[in-house]
């Protein structure tokens, strides 16, 4: 694959390593290494998810720092990992579904759009958007029940005065929460907020993967010119118009592009994520009331703090999505190279 460093015809060309598609992967190695790598990523970023969730369910505005210090003071470091075991159990199958749907869709749609005559940049953006959409929908089949249980564990009452109005639910662990939700609400209780999850994550993933494709070209267009000029200036023969970045440079550009796409996606989908979290966490089985509707949840949020209440937890979510996107894409690209059948051709 090659990208133009700028719009002008005279701009030097940047040659990037070839893409690794679904057919080029050793599937067993891909899934085994993927489970290990992404489990580590999940463990690193999980405390930020806990902070975001705590802020979203609070009925008053509480700063991120106050929430974090309150958790550590009253619950210890373990408080930042409430529900992590349950989340990790769901991460592995959900990631497997996600990566399979992502790669299969991207490969097939990318081939189809090229055959239809779309330019390569447009075809790549369409393929990435379609892949992100299908991957999110597939993963939510597994992830929504895990999300419901883990989020209940994250916010269950702990008599912490620095985190007022948290959920009164009491669970002894993931299995206990799963059993209680299932017995009181049935399977529907485990899929509470499934529609909102699809409405949140499917467009978010489509926007993210399309934005990532566009952001990469934008970053190479800006920084690529600098790299090319620097390379050409260091050579006596400056007639060469081709620049081949090393793996560190490629990884840096991928990480920056992912962070940009993650930040934009977080900002656009934040209100949907807040509503989804409220639907999944609040009004549990212990108060005997029917779960709130989407309309009631929105009205409660607006009543509590105006439309700004829909953006509670934006800081942690922005940081989480940006960091997650950066680590995910660099880890994912690294995983694909480790799992490629023909390693020699990638050297």
C-alpha atoms as a PDB file:
ATOM      1  CA  UNK A   1       0.000   0.000   0.000  1.00  0.00           C
ATOM      2  CA  UNK A   2       1.250   3.506  -0.760  1.00  0.00           C
ATOM      3  CA  UNK A   3      -0.017   6.907   0.328  1.00  0.00           C
ATOM      4  CA  UNK A   4       0.659  10.292  -1.192  1.00  0.00           C
ATOM      5  CA  UNK A   5       2.339  12.562   1.303  1.00  0.00           C
ATOM      6  CA  UNK A   6       0.435  15.611   0.025  1.00  0.00           C
ATOM      7  CA  UNK A   7      -2.121  16.630  -2.518  1.00  0.00           C
ATOM      8  CA  UNK A   8       0.388  17.953  -5.015  1.00  0.00           C
ATOM      9  CA  UNK A   9       1.563  15.687  -7.778  1.00  0.00           C
ATOM     10  CA  UNK A  10       5.184  16.577  -7.056  1.00  0.00           C
ATOM     11  CA  UNK A  11       4.995  15.445  -3.439  1.00  0.00           C
ATOM     12  CA  UNK A  12       7.206  12.481  -2.584  1.00  0.00           C
ATOM     13  CA  UNK A  13       5.562   9.107  -2.201  1.00  0.00           C
ATOM     14  CA  UNK A  14       5.372   7.266   1.114  1.00  0.00           C
ATOM     15  CA  UNK A  15       5.519   3.507   0.882  1.00  0.00           C
ATOM     16  CA  UNK A  16       3.949   1.755   3.868  1.00  0.00           C
ATOM     17  CA  UNK A  17       4.105  -1.941   4.750  1.00  0.00           C
ATOM     18  CA  UNK A  18       1.529  -4.080   2.968  1.00  0.00           C
ATOM     19  CA  UNK A  19      -1.802  -4.658   4.708  1.00  0.00           C
ATOM     20  CA  UNK A  20      -2.376  -8.107   6.187  1.00  0.00           C
ATOM     21  CA  UNK A  21      -5.839  -9.359   5.305  1.00  0.00           C
ATOM     22  CA  UNK A  22      -7.898 -12.215   6.753  1.00  0.00           C
ATOM     23  CA  UNK A  23      -6.560 -14.871   4.361  1.00  0.00           C
ATOM     24  CA  UNK A  24      -2.951 -14.135   5.376  1.00  0.00           C
ATOM     25  CA  UNK A  25      -3.488 -14.839   9.095  1.00  0.00           C
ATOM     26  CA  UNK A  26      -2.759 -17.963  11.095  1.00  0.00           C
ATOM     27  CA  UNK A  27      -6.146 -18.059  12.855  1.00  0.00           C
ATOM     28  CA  UNK A  28      -5.144 -20.145  15.891  1.00  0.00           C
ATOM     29  CA  UNK A  29      -2.157 -17.912  16.640  1.00  0.00           C
ATOM     30  CA  UNK A  30      -4.263 -14.812  15.930  1.00  0.00           C
ATOM     31  CA  UNK A  31      -6.944 -15.695  18.497  1.00  0.00           C
ATOM     32  CA  UNK A  32      -4.582 -17.086  21.154  1.00  0.00           C
ATOM     33  CA  UNK A  33      -2.189 -14.135  21.073  1.00  0.00           C
ATOM     34  CA  UNK A  34      -5.110 -11.731  20.732  1.00  0.00           C
ATOM     35  CA  UNK A  35      -6.726 -13.032  23.936  1.00  0.00           C
ATOM     36  CA  UNK A  36      -3.479 -12.538  25.852  1.00  0.00           C
ATOM     37  CA  UNK A  37      -2.613  -9.123  24.438  1.00  0.00           C
ATOM     38  CA  UNK A  38      -6.081  -7.584  24.759  1.00  0.00           C
ATOM     39  CA  UNK A  39      -6.538  -8.968  28.275  1.00  0.00           C
ATOM     40  CA  UNK A  40      -3.465  -6.974  29.244  1.00  0.00           C
ATOM     41  CA  UNK A  41      -4.829  -3.860  27.538  1.00  0.00           C
ATOM     42  CA  UNK A  42      -8.182  -4.283  29.347  1.00  0.00           C
ATOM     43  CA  UNK A  43      -6.442  -4.602  32.723  1.00  0.00           C
ATOM     44  CA  UNK A  44      -4.485  -1.398  32.113  1.00  0.00           C
ATOM     45  CA  UNK A  45      -7.486   0.711  31.094  1.00  0.00           C
ATOM     46  CA  UNK A  46     -10.132  -0.763  33.401  1.00  0.00           C
ATOM     47  CA  UNK A  47      -9.803   1.820  36.246  1.00  0.00           C
ATOM     48  CA  UNK A  48     -10.675   4.610  33.798  1.00  0.00           C
ATOM     49  CA  UNK A  49     -13.840   2.718  32.810  1.00  0.00           C
ATOM     50  CA  UNK A  50     -14.805   2.419  36.498  1.00  0.00           C
ATOM     51  CA  UNK A  51     -14.368   6.183  36.968  1.00  0.00           C
ATOM     52  CA  UNK A  52     -16.448   6.926  33.881  1.00  0.00           C
ATOM     53  CA  UNK A  53     -19.251   4.610  35.003  1.00  0.00           C
ATOM     54  CA  UNK A  54     -19.326   5.983  38.562  1.00  0.00           C
ATOM     55  CA  UNK A  55     -19.633   9.533  37.240  1.00  0.00           C
ATOM     56  CA  UNK A  56     -22.399   8.630  34.815  1.00  0.00           C
ATOM     57  CA  UNK A  57     -24.689   7.109  37.463  1.00  0.00           C
ATOM     58  CA  UNK A  58     -24.187   9.847  40.073  1.00  0.00           C
ATOM     59  CA  UNK A  59     -27.109  12.254  40.296  1.00  0.00           C
ATOM     60  CA  UNK A  60     -24.791  15.131  41.208  1.00  0.00           C
ATOM     61  CA  UNK A  61     -21.675  16.425  39.496  1.00  0.00           C
ATOM     62  CA  UNK A  62     -18.532  14.885  41.003  1.00  0.00           C
ATOM     63  CA  UNK A  63     -15.085  15.576  39.592  1.00  0.00           C
ATOM     64  CA  UNK A  64     -12.986  12.778  38.193  1.00  0.00           C
ATOM     65  CA  UNK A  65     -10.166  13.347  40.682  1.00  0.00           C
ATOM     66  CA  UNK A  66     -12.560  13.397  43.651  1.00  0.00           C
ATOM     67  CA  UNK A  67     -14.152  10.190  42.429  1.00  0.00           C
ATOM     68  CA  UNK A  68     -10.769   8.498  42.014  1.00  0.00           C
ATOM     69  CA  UNK A  69      -9.433   9.563  45.430  1.00  0.00           C
ATOM     70  CA  UNK A  70     -12.728   8.597  47.064  1.00  0.00           C
ATOM     71  CA  UNK A  71     -12.588   5.102  45.609  1.00  0.00           C
ATOM     72  CA  UNK A  72      -8.977   4.534  46.648  1.00  0.00           C
ATOM     73  CA  UNK A  73      -9.536   5.975  50.127  1.00  0.00           C
ATOM     74  CA  UNK A  74     -12.666   3.989  51.003  1.00  0.00           C
ATOM     75  CA  UNK A  75     -12.228   0.846  48.886  1.00  0.00           C
ATOM     76  CA  UNK A  76      -8.533   0.633  48.176  1.00  0.00           C
ATOM     77  CA  UNK A  77      -6.976  -0.084  44.797  1.00  0.00           C
ATOM     78  CA  UNK A  78      -9.330  -3.065  44.448  1.00  0.00           C
ATOM     79  CA  UNK A  79     -12.186  -0.573  44.135  1.00  0.00           C
ATOM     80  CA  UNK A  80     -10.789   0.495  40.756  1.00  0.00           C
ATOM     81  CA  UNK A  81     -11.093  -3.109  39.581  1.00  0.00           C
ATOM     82  CA  UNK A  82     -14.634  -3.935  40.710  1.00  0.00           C
ATOM     83  CA  UNK A  83     -16.140  -6.366  38.214  1.00  0.00           C
ATOM     84  CA  UNK A  84     -12.873  -6.863  36.349  1.00  0.00           C
ATOM     85  CA  UNK A  85     -12.998 -10.667  36.533  1.00  0.00           C
ATOM     86  CA  UNK A  86     -16.453 -10.684  34.972  1.00  0.00           C
ATOM     87  CA  UNK A  87     -15.394  -8.165  32.350  1.00  0.00           C
ATOM     88  CA  UNK A  88     -12.306 -10.192  31.468  1.00  0.00           C
ATOM     89  CA  UNK A  89     -14.361 -13.366  30.961  1.00  0.00           C
ATOM     90  CA  UNK A  90     -16.475 -11.522  28.419  1.00  0.00           C
ATOM     91  CA  UNK A  91     -13.588  -9.703  26.772  1.00  0.00           C
ATOM     92  CA  UNK A  92     -12.049 -12.840  25.275  1.00  0.00           C
ATOM     93  CA  UNK A  93     -15.094 -14.185  23.338  1.00  0.00           C
ATOM     94  CA  UNK A  94     -16.308 -10.668  22.525  1.00  0.00           C
ATOM     95  CA  UNK A  95     -12.899  -9.716  21.095  1.00  0.00           C
ATOM     96  CA  UNK A  96     -12.784 -12.949  19.105  1.00  0.00           C
ATOM     97  CA  UNK A  97     -16.160 -12.152  17.539  1.00  0.00           C
ATOM     98  CA  UNK A  98     -15.134  -8.540  17.020  1.00  0.00           C
ATOM     99  CA  UNK A  99     -11.848  -9.330  15.269  1.00  0.00           C
ATOM    100  CA  UNK A 100     -13.415 -12.025  13.076  1.00  0.00           C
ATOM    101  CA  UNK A 101     -16.274  -9.803  11.918  1.00  0.00           C
ATOM    102  CA  UNK A 102     -13.895  -6.876  11.465  1.00  0.00           C
ATOM    103  CA  UNK A 103     -11.365  -8.662   9.278  1.00  0.00           C
ATOM    104  CA  UNK A 104     -13.877 -10.668   7.218  1.00  0.00           C
ATOM    105  CA  UNK A 105     -16.040  -7.609   6.509  1.00  0.00           C
ATOM    106  CA  UNK A 106     -13.099  -5.316   5.776  1.00  0.00           C
ATOM    107  CA  UNK A 107     -11.566  -7.818   3.367  1.00  0.00           C
ATOM    108  CA  UNK A 108     -14.814  -8.535   1.493  1.00  0.00           C
ATOM    109  CA  UNK A 109     -16.127  -4.969   1.375  1.00  0.00           C
ATOM    110  CA  UNK A 110     -12.719  -3.606   0.432  1.00  0.00           C
ATOM    111  CA  UNK A 111     -12.479  -6.007  -2.508  1.00  0.00           C
ATOM    112  CA  UNK A 112     -16.048  -5.215  -3.590  1.00  0.00           C
ATOM    113  CA  UNK A 113     -15.607  -1.443  -3.491  1.00  0.00           C
ATOM    114  CA  UNK A 114     -12.381  -1.613  -5.498  1.00  0.00           C
ATOM    115  CA  UNK A 115     -14.145  -3.725  -8.133  1.00  0.00           C
ATOM    116  CA  UNK A 116     -16.951  -1.149  -8.267  1.00  0.00           C
ATOM    117  CA  UNK A 117     -14.394   1.450  -9.278  1.00  0.00           C
ATOM    118  CA  UNK A 118     -14.101   3.483  -6.066  1.00  0.00           C
ATOM    119  CA  UNK A 119     -10.770   5.286  -5.521  1.00  0.00           C
ATOM    120  CA  UNK A 120      -8.515   3.499  -3.051  1.00  0.00           C
ATOM    121  CA  UNK A 121      -8.909   6.110  -0.235  1.00  0.00           C
ATOM    122  CA  UNK A 122     -12.720   6.046  -0.550  1.00  0.00           C
ATOM    123  CA  UNK A 123     -12.790   2.261  -0.750  1.00  0.00           C
ATOM    124  CA  UNK A 124     -10.643   2.009   2.383  1.00  0.00           C
ATOM    125  CA  UNK A 125     -12.906   4.393   4.334  1.00  0.00           C
ATOM    126  CA  UNK A 126     -16.056   2.509   3.268  1.00  0.00           C
ATOM    127  CA  UNK A 127     -14.520  -0.875   4.090  1.00  0.00           C
ATOM    128  CA  UNK A 128     -13.340   0.325   7.498  1.00  0.00           C
ATOM    129  CA  UNK A 129     -16.732   1.857   8.346  1.00  0.00           C
ATOM    130  CA  UNK A 130     -18.611  -1.300   7.321  1.00  0.00           C
ATOM    131  CA  UNK A 131     -16.148  -3.471   9.231  1.00  0.00           C
ATOM    132  CA  UNK A 132     -16.476  -1.376  12.398  1.00  0.00           C
ATOM    133  CA  UNK A 133     -20.276  -1.496  12.166  1.00  0.00           C
ATOM    134  CA  UNK A 134     -20.504  -5.277  11.750  1.00  0.00           C
ATOM    135  CA  UNK A 135     -17.817  -5.952  14.376  1.00  0.00           C
ATOM    136  CA  UNK A 136     -19.594  -3.860  17.012  1.00  0.00           C
ATOM    137  CA  UNK A 137     -22.944  -5.533  16.356  1.00  0.00           C
ATOM    138  CA  UNK A 138     -21.423  -9.008  16.573  1.00  0.00           C
ATOM    139  CA  UNK A 139     -19.493  -8.273  19.766  1.00  0.00           C
ATOM    140  CA  UNK A 140     -22.521  -6.788  21.555  1.00  0.00           C
ATOM    141  CA  UNK A 141     -24.275 -10.167  21.483  1.00  0.00           C
ATOM    142  CA  UNK A 142     -21.687 -11.349  24.011  1.00  0.00           C
ATOM    143  CA  UNK A 143     -20.644  -8.079  25.552  1.00  0.00           C
ATOM    144  CA  UNK A 144     -24.014  -6.600  26.633  1.00  0.00           C
ATOM    145  CA  UNK A 145     -24.742  -9.194  29.387  1.00  0.00           C
ATOM    146  CA  UNK A 146     -21.144  -8.912  30.603  1.00  0.00           C
ATOM    147  CA  UNK A 147     -21.416  -5.128  30.534  1.00  0.00           C
ATOM    148  CA  UNK A 148     -24.621  -5.170  32.583  1.00  0.00           C
ATOM    149  CA  UNK A 149     -23.108  -7.425  35.263  1.00  0.00           C
ATOM    150  CA  UNK A 150     -19.697  -5.723  35.446  1.00  0.00           C
ATOM    151  CA  UNK A 151     -21.219  -2.235  35.615  1.00  0.00           C
ATOM    152  CA  UNK A 152     -23.553  -3.309  38.434  1.00  0.00           C
ATOM    153  CA  UNK A 153     -20.468  -4.474  40.324  1.00  0.00           C
ATOM    154  CA  UNK A 154     -18.604  -1.225  39.559  1.00  0.00           C
ATOM    155  CA  UNK A 155     -21.214   1.013  41.177  1.00  0.00           C
ATOM    156  CA  UNK A 156     -22.803  -1.097  43.906  1.00  0.00           C
ATOM    157  CA  UNK A 157     -23.278   0.723  47.216  1.00  0.00           C
ATOM    158  CA  UNK A 158     -20.157   1.066  49.319  1.00  0.00           C
ATOM    159  CA  UNK A 159     -21.036   3.830  51.859  1.00  0.00           C
ATOM    160  CA  UNK A 160     -18.567   6.138  50.173  1.00  0.00           C
ATOM    161  CA  UNK A 161     -19.504   9.777  50.999  1.00  0.00           C
ATOM    162  CA  UNK A 162     -17.401  11.060  48.113  1.00  0.00           C
ATOM    163  CA  UNK A 163     -19.514   9.117  45.616  1.00  0.00           C
ATOM    164  CA  UNK A 164     -23.121   9.972  46.530  1.00  0.00           C
ATOM    165  CA  UNK A 165     -26.216   8.341  45.087  1.00  0.00           C
ATOM    166  CA  UNK A 166     -24.455   5.266  43.765  1.00  0.00           C
ATOM    167  CA  UNK A 167     -26.495   2.138  43.100  1.00  0.00           C
ATOM    168  CA  UNK A 168     -27.886   0.395  46.240  1.00  0.00           C
ATOM    169  CA  UNK A 169     -27.498  -3.074  44.710  1.00  0.00           C
ATOM    170  CA  UNK A 170     -25.422  -5.578  46.656  1.00  0.00           C
ATOM    171  CA  UNK A 171     -23.722  -8.490  44.907  1.00  0.00           C
ATOM    172  CA  UNK A 172     -21.127 -10.923  46.174  1.00  0.00           C
ATOM    173  CA  UNK A 173     -19.520 -11.284  42.751  1.00  0.00           C
ATOM    174  CA  UNK A 174     -20.163 -11.703  39.061  1.00  0.00           C
ATOM    175  CA  UNK A 175     -21.916 -15.078  39.356  1.00  0.00           C
ATOM    176  CA  UNK A 176     -24.169 -13.785  42.158  1.00  0.00           C
ATOM    177  CA  UNK A 177     -25.062 -10.692  40.110  1.00  0.00           C
ATOM    178  CA  UNK A 178     -25.739 -12.814  37.026  1.00  0.00           C
ATOM    179  CA  UNK A 179     -28.017 -15.136  38.990  1.00  0.00           C
ATOM    180  CA  UNK A 180     -29.958 -12.333  40.697  1.00  0.00           C
ATOM    181  CA  UNK A 181     -30.494 -10.370  37.483  1.00  0.00           C
ATOM    182  CA  UNK A 182     -31.590 -13.501  35.655  1.00  0.00           C
ATOM    183  CA  UNK A 183     -33.999 -14.577  38.409  1.00  0.00           C
ATOM    184  CA  UNK A 184     -35.622 -11.152  38.790  1.00  0.00           C
ATOM    185  CA  UNK A 185     -35.713  -9.880  35.210  1.00  0.00           C
ATOM    186  CA  UNK A 186     -35.062 -12.970  33.083  1.00  0.00           C
ATOM    187  CA  UNK A 187     -32.807 -12.900  30.015  1.00  0.00           C
ATOM    188  CA  UNK A 188     -34.164  -9.444  29.186  1.00  0.00           C
ATOM    189  CA  UNK A 189     -32.467  -8.136  32.316  1.00  0.00           C
ATOM    190  CA  UNK A 190     -29.082  -9.243  31.009  1.00  0.00           C
ATOM    191  CA  UNK A 191     -29.777  -7.505  27.716  1.00  0.00           C
ATOM    192  CA  UNK A 192     -31.058  -4.288  29.239  1.00  0.00           C
ATOM    193  CA  UNK A 193     -29.797  -1.433  27.119  1.00  0.00           C
ATOM    194  CA  UNK A 194     -28.943  -3.746  24.206  1.00  0.00           C
ATOM    195  CA  UNK A 195     -30.670  -1.445  21.731  1.00  0.00           C
ATOM    196  CA  UNK A 196     -28.831   1.573  23.117  1.00  0.00           C
ATOM    197  CA  UNK A 197     -25.574  -0.397  23.043  1.00  0.00           C
ATOM    198  CA  UNK A 198     -26.073  -1.053  19.335  1.00  0.00           C
ATOM    199  CA  UNK A 199     -27.021   2.595  18.767  1.00  0.00           C
ATOM    200  CA  UNK A 200     -23.908   3.661  20.702  1.00  0.00           C
ATOM    201  CA  UNK A 201     -21.208   1.238  19.629  1.00  0.00           C
ATOM    202  CA  UNK A 202     -22.218   0.437  16.048  1.00  0.00           C
ATOM    203  CA  UNK A 203     -22.130   4.061  14.788  1.00  0.00           C
ATOM    204  CA  UNK A 204     -19.198   4.776  17.096  1.00  0.00           C
ATOM    205  CA  UNK A 205     -17.171   1.942  15.598  1.00  0.00           C
ATOM    206  CA  UNK A 206     -18.178   2.869  12.061  1.00  0.00           C
ATOM    207  CA  UNK A 207     -17.184   6.492  12.693  1.00  0.00           C
ATOM    208  CA  UNK A 208     -13.981   5.428  14.457  1.00  0.00           C
ATOM    209  CA  UNK A 209     -12.699   3.072  11.758  1.00  0.00           C
ATOM    210  CA  UNK A 210     -13.628   5.457   8.943  1.00  0.00           C
ATOM    211  CA  UNK A 211     -12.046   8.370  10.848  1.00  0.00           C
ATOM    212  CA  UNK A 212      -8.968   6.280  11.536  1.00  0.00           C
ATOM    213  CA  UNK A 213      -8.522   5.600   7.831  1.00  0.00           C
ATOM    214  CA  UNK A 214      -8.924   9.294   6.992  1.00  0.00           C
ATOM    215  CA  UNK A 215      -6.775  10.427   9.946  1.00  0.00           C
ATOM    216  CA  UNK A 216      -3.898   8.221   8.846  1.00  0.00           C
ATOM    217  CA  UNK A 217      -3.841   9.910   5.458  1.00  0.00           C
ATOM    218  CA  UNK A 218      -4.116  13.320   7.102  1.00  0.00           C
ATOM    219  CA  UNK A 219      -1.219  12.611   9.469  1.00  0.00           C
ATOM    220  CA  UNK A 220       0.958  11.209   6.689  1.00  0.00           C
ATOM    221  CA  UNK A 221       0.038  14.248   4.612  1.00  0.00           C
ATOM    222  CA  UNK A 222       1.357  16.581   7.303  1.00  0.00           C
ATOM    223  CA  UNK A 223       4.199  14.723   8.975  1.00  0.00           C
ATOM    224  CA  UNK A 224       5.059  12.658   5.922  1.00  0.00           C
ATOM    225  CA  UNK A 225       6.315  15.686   4.031  1.00  0.00           C
ATOM    226  CA  UNK A 226       8.677  16.481   6.896  1.00  0.00           C
ATOM    227  CA  UNK A 227       9.996  12.926   7.016  1.00  0.00           C
ATOM    228  CA  UNK A 228      10.495  12.910   3.255  1.00  0.00           C
ATOM    229  CA  UNK A 229      12.317  16.244   3.205  1.00  0.00           C
ATOM    230  CA  UNK A 230      14.542  15.192   6.084  1.00  0.00           C
ATOM    231  CA  UNK A 231      15.367  11.938   4.328  1.00  0.00           C
ATOM    232  CA  UNK A 232      16.120  13.636   1.016  1.00  0.00           C
ATOM    233  CA  UNK A 233      18.244  16.348   2.626  1.00  0.00           C
ATOM    234  CA  UNK A 234      20.464  13.696   4.189  1.00  0.00           C
ATOM    235  CA  UNK A 235      21.280  12.207   0.800  1.00  0.00           C
ATOM    236  CA  UNK A 236      23.570  13.658  -1.804  1.00  0.00           C
ATOM    237  CA  UNK A 237      21.262  12.396  -4.516  1.00  0.00           C
ATOM    238  CA  UNK A 238      17.955  14.051  -3.731  1.00  0.00           C
ATOM    239  CA  UNK A 239      16.265  12.793  -6.886  1.00  0.00           C
ATOM    240  CA  UNK A 240      14.613   9.967  -4.955  1.00  0.00           C
ATOM    241  CA  UNK A 241      10.928  10.751  -4.412  1.00  0.00           C
ATOM    242  CA  UNK A 242      10.139   7.713  -2.322  1.00  0.00           C
ATOM    243  CA  UNK A 243      10.287   7.446   1.454  1.00  0.00           C
ATOM    244  CA  UNK A 244       9.903   4.175   3.340  1.00  0.00           C
ATOM    245  CA  UNK A 245       9.237   4.823   7.048  1.00  0.00           C
ATOM    246  CA  UNK A 246      10.550   2.381   9.616  1.00  0.00           C
ATOM    247  CA  UNK A 247       8.259   0.350  11.866  1.00  0.00           C
ATOM    248  CA  UNK A 248       8.528   2.841  14.770  1.00  0.00           C
ATOM    249  CA  UNK A 249       7.382   5.705  12.581  1.00  0.00           C
ATOM    250  CA  UNK A 250       4.490   3.668  11.201  1.00  0.00           C
ATOM    251  CA  UNK A 251       3.436   2.699  14.737  1.00  0.00           C
ATOM    252  CA  UNK A 252       3.630   6.321  15.919  1.00  0.00           C
ATOM    253  CA  UNK A 253       1.415   7.519  13.060  1.00  0.00           C
ATOM    254  CA  UNK A 254      -1.060   4.688  13.678  1.00  0.00           C
ATOM    255  CA  UNK A 255      -1.224   5.558  17.380  1.00  0.00           C
ATOM    256  CA  UNK A 256      -1.731   9.282  16.737  1.00  0.00           C
ATOM    257  CA  UNK A 257      -4.413   8.593  14.119  1.00  0.00           C
ATOM    258  CA  UNK A 258      -6.191   6.209  16.486  1.00  0.00           C
ATOM    259  CA  UNK A 259      -6.165   8.763  19.317  1.00  0.00           C
ATOM    260  CA  UNK A 260      -7.619  11.429  17.029  1.00  0.00           C
ATOM    261  CA  UNK A 261     -10.375   9.113  15.832  1.00  0.00           C
ATOM    262  CA  UNK A 262     -11.097   7.908  19.384  1.00  0.00           C
ATOM    263  CA  UNK A 263     -11.458  11.435  20.743  1.00  0.00           C
ATOM    264  CA  UNK A 264     -13.891  12.462  18.012  1.00  0.00           C
ATOM    265  CA  UNK A 265     -15.926   9.291  18.457  1.00  0.00           C
ATOM    266  CA  UNK A 266     -16.094   9.759  22.249  1.00  0.00           C
ATOM    267  CA  UNK A 267     -17.394  13.312  21.899  1.00  0.00           C
ATOM    268  CA  UNK A 268     -20.070  12.384  19.351  1.00  0.00           C
ATOM    269  CA  UNK A 269     -21.439   9.326  21.166  1.00  0.00           C
ATOM    270  CA  UNK A 270     -21.084  10.453  24.829  1.00  0.00           C
ATOM    271  CA  UNK A 271     -24.816  11.189  25.457  1.00  0.00           C
ATOM    272  CA  UNK A 272     -25.790   7.778  24.063  1.00  0.00           C
ATOM    273  CA  UNK A 273     -23.229   6.059  26.287  1.00  0.00           C
ATOM    274  CA  UNK A 274     -24.510   7.878  29.392  1.00  0.00           C
ATOM    275  CA  UNK A 275     -28.111   6.864  28.648  1.00  0.00           C
ATOM    276  CA  UNK A 276     -27.015   3.263  27.998  1.00  0.00           C
ATOM    277  CA  UNK A 277     -25.121   3.099  31.291  1.00  0.00           C
ATOM    278  CA  UNK A 278     -28.082   4.484  33.226  1.00  0.00           C
ATOM    279  CA  UNK A 279     -30.420   1.939  31.637  1.00  0.00           C
ATOM    280  CA  UNK A 280     -28.097  -0.936  32.495  1.00  0.00           C
ATOM    281  CA  UNK A 281     -27.194   0.072  36.038  1.00  0.00           C
ATOM    282  CA  UNK A 282     -29.907   2.066  37.791  1.00  0.00           C
ATOM    283  CA  UNK A 283     -33.266   0.887  39.105  1.00  0.00           C
ATOM    284  CA  UNK A 284     -32.148  -2.665  39.829  1.00  0.00           C
ATOM    285  CA  UNK A 285     -34.279  -5.519  40.991  1.00  0.00           C
ATOM    286  CA  UNK A 286     -34.263  -4.480  44.639  1.00  0.00           C
ATOM    287  CA  UNK A 287     -36.599  -1.493  44.388  1.00  0.00           C
ATOM    288  CA  UNK A 288     -39.396  -3.461  42.740  1.00  0.00           C
ATOM    289  CA  UNK A 289     -40.047  -0.857  40.037  1.00  0.00           C
ATOM    290  CA  UNK A 290     -40.091  -1.340  36.306  1.00  0.00           C
ATOM    291  CA  UNK A 291     -36.859  -0.337  34.575  1.00  0.00           C
ATOM    292  CA  UNK A 292     -36.890   3.189  33.142  1.00  0.00           C
ATOM    293  CA  UNK A 293     -37.503   3.842  29.485  1.00  0.00           C
ATOM    294  CA  UNK A 294     -35.089   5.772  27.304  1.00  0.00           C
ATOM    295  CA  UNK A 295     -37.357   8.819  27.461  1.00  0.00           C
ATOM    296  CA  UNK A 296     -37.546   8.713  31.267  1.00  0.00           C
ATOM    297  CA  UNK A 297     -33.781   8.330  31.507  1.00  0.00           C
ATOM    298  CA  UNK A 298     -33.205  11.385  29.316  1.00  0.00           C
ATOM    299  CA  UNK A 299     -35.749  13.439  31.297  1.00  0.00           C
ATOM    300  CA  UNK A 300     -34.090  12.446  34.594  1.00  0.00           C
ATOM    301  CA  UNK A 301     -30.674  13.454  33.283  1.00  0.00           C
ATOM    302  CA  UNK A 302     -31.913  16.834  32.058  1.00  0.00           C
ATOM    303  CA  UNK A 303     -33.718  17.417  35.363  1.00  0.00           C
ATOM    304  CA  UNK A 304     -30.544  16.639  37.333  1.00  0.00           C
ATOM    305  CA  UNK A 305     -28.152  18.909  35.493  1.00  0.00           C
ATOM    306  CA  UNK A 306     -29.493  20.055  32.147  1.00  0.00           C
ATOM    307  CA  UNK A 307     -28.150  18.684  28.884  1.00  0.00           C
ATOM    308  CA  UNK A 308     -24.638  18.911  30.334  1.00  0.00           C
ATOM    309  CA  UNK A 309     -25.551  15.920  32.535  1.00  0.00           C
ATOM    310  CA  UNK A 310     -25.441  13.763  29.396  1.00  0.00           C
ATOM    311  CA  UNK A 311     -21.719  14.515  29.251  1.00  0.00           C
ATOM    312  CA  UNK A 312     -20.853  13.445  32.801  1.00  0.00           C
ATOM    313  CA  UNK A 313     -17.775  11.271  32.643  1.00  0.00           C
ATOM    314  CA  UNK A 314     -16.675  12.779  29.324  1.00  0.00           C
ATOM    315  CA  UNK A 315     -13.123  13.312  30.603  1.00  0.00           C
ATOM    316  CA  UNK A 316     -12.543   9.688  31.621  1.00  0.00           C
ATOM    317  CA  UNK A 317     -14.369   8.394  28.529  1.00  0.00           C
ATOM    318  CA  UNK A 318     -12.348  10.668  26.206  1.00  0.00           C
ATOM    319  CA  UNK A 319      -9.139   9.523  27.895  1.00  0.00           C
ATOM    320  CA  UNK A 320     -10.288   5.908  27.916  1.00  0.00           C
ATOM    321  CA  UNK A 321     -11.288   5.862  24.249  1.00  0.00           C
ATOM    322  CA  UNK A 322      -8.186   7.729  23.113  1.00  0.00           C
ATOM    323  CA  UNK A 323      -5.822   5.531  25.135  1.00  0.00           C
ATOM    324  CA  UNK A 324      -7.791   2.419  24.273  1.00  0.00           C
ATOM    325  CA  UNK A 325      -7.788   3.307  20.582  1.00  0.00           C
ATOM    326  CA  UNK A 326      -4.051   3.974  20.586  1.00  0.00           C
ATOM    327  CA  UNK A 327      -3.123   0.809  22.462  1.00  0.00           C
ATOM    328  CA  UNK A 328      -5.722  -1.246  20.601  1.00  0.00           C
ATOM    329  CA  UNK A 329      -4.619  -0.311  17.107  1.00  0.00           C
ATOM    330  CA  UNK A 330      -0.889  -0.628  17.820  1.00  0.00           C
ATOM    331  CA  UNK A 331      -1.494  -3.937  19.605  1.00  0.00           C
ATOM    332  CA  UNK A 332      -3.808  -5.079  16.828  1.00  0.00           C
ATOM    333  CA  UNK A 333      -1.364  -4.278  14.041  1.00  0.00           C
ATOM    334  CA  UNK A 334       1.423  -5.947  16.029  1.00  0.00           C
ATOM    335  CA  UNK A 335      -0.817  -8.989  16.571  1.00  0.00           C
ATOM    336  CA  UNK A 336      -1.556  -9.266  12.850  1.00  0.00           C
ATOM    337  CA  UNK A 337       2.146  -9.213  12.011  1.00  0.00           C
ATOM    338  CA  UNK A 338       2.895 -11.849  14.623  1.00  0.00           C
ATOM    339  CA  UNK A 339       0.059 -13.998  13.256  1.00  0.00           C
ATOM    340  CA  UNK A 340       0.882 -13.658   9.556  1.00  0.00           C
ATOM    341  CA  UNK A 341       1.505 -16.997   7.846  1.00  0.00           C
ATOM    342  CA  UNK A 342       4.407 -15.762   5.736  1.00  0.00           C
ATOM    343  CA  UNK A 343       6.652 -13.706   8.031  1.00  0.00           C
ATOM    344  CA  UNK A 344       9.427 -13.417   5.442  1.00  0.00           C
ATOM    345  CA  UNK A 345       7.242 -11.401   3.080  1.00  0.00           C
ATOM    346  CA  UNK A 346       6.674  -8.773   5.782  1.00  0.00           C
ATOM    347  CA  UNK A 347      10.320  -8.084   6.478  1.00  0.00           C
END
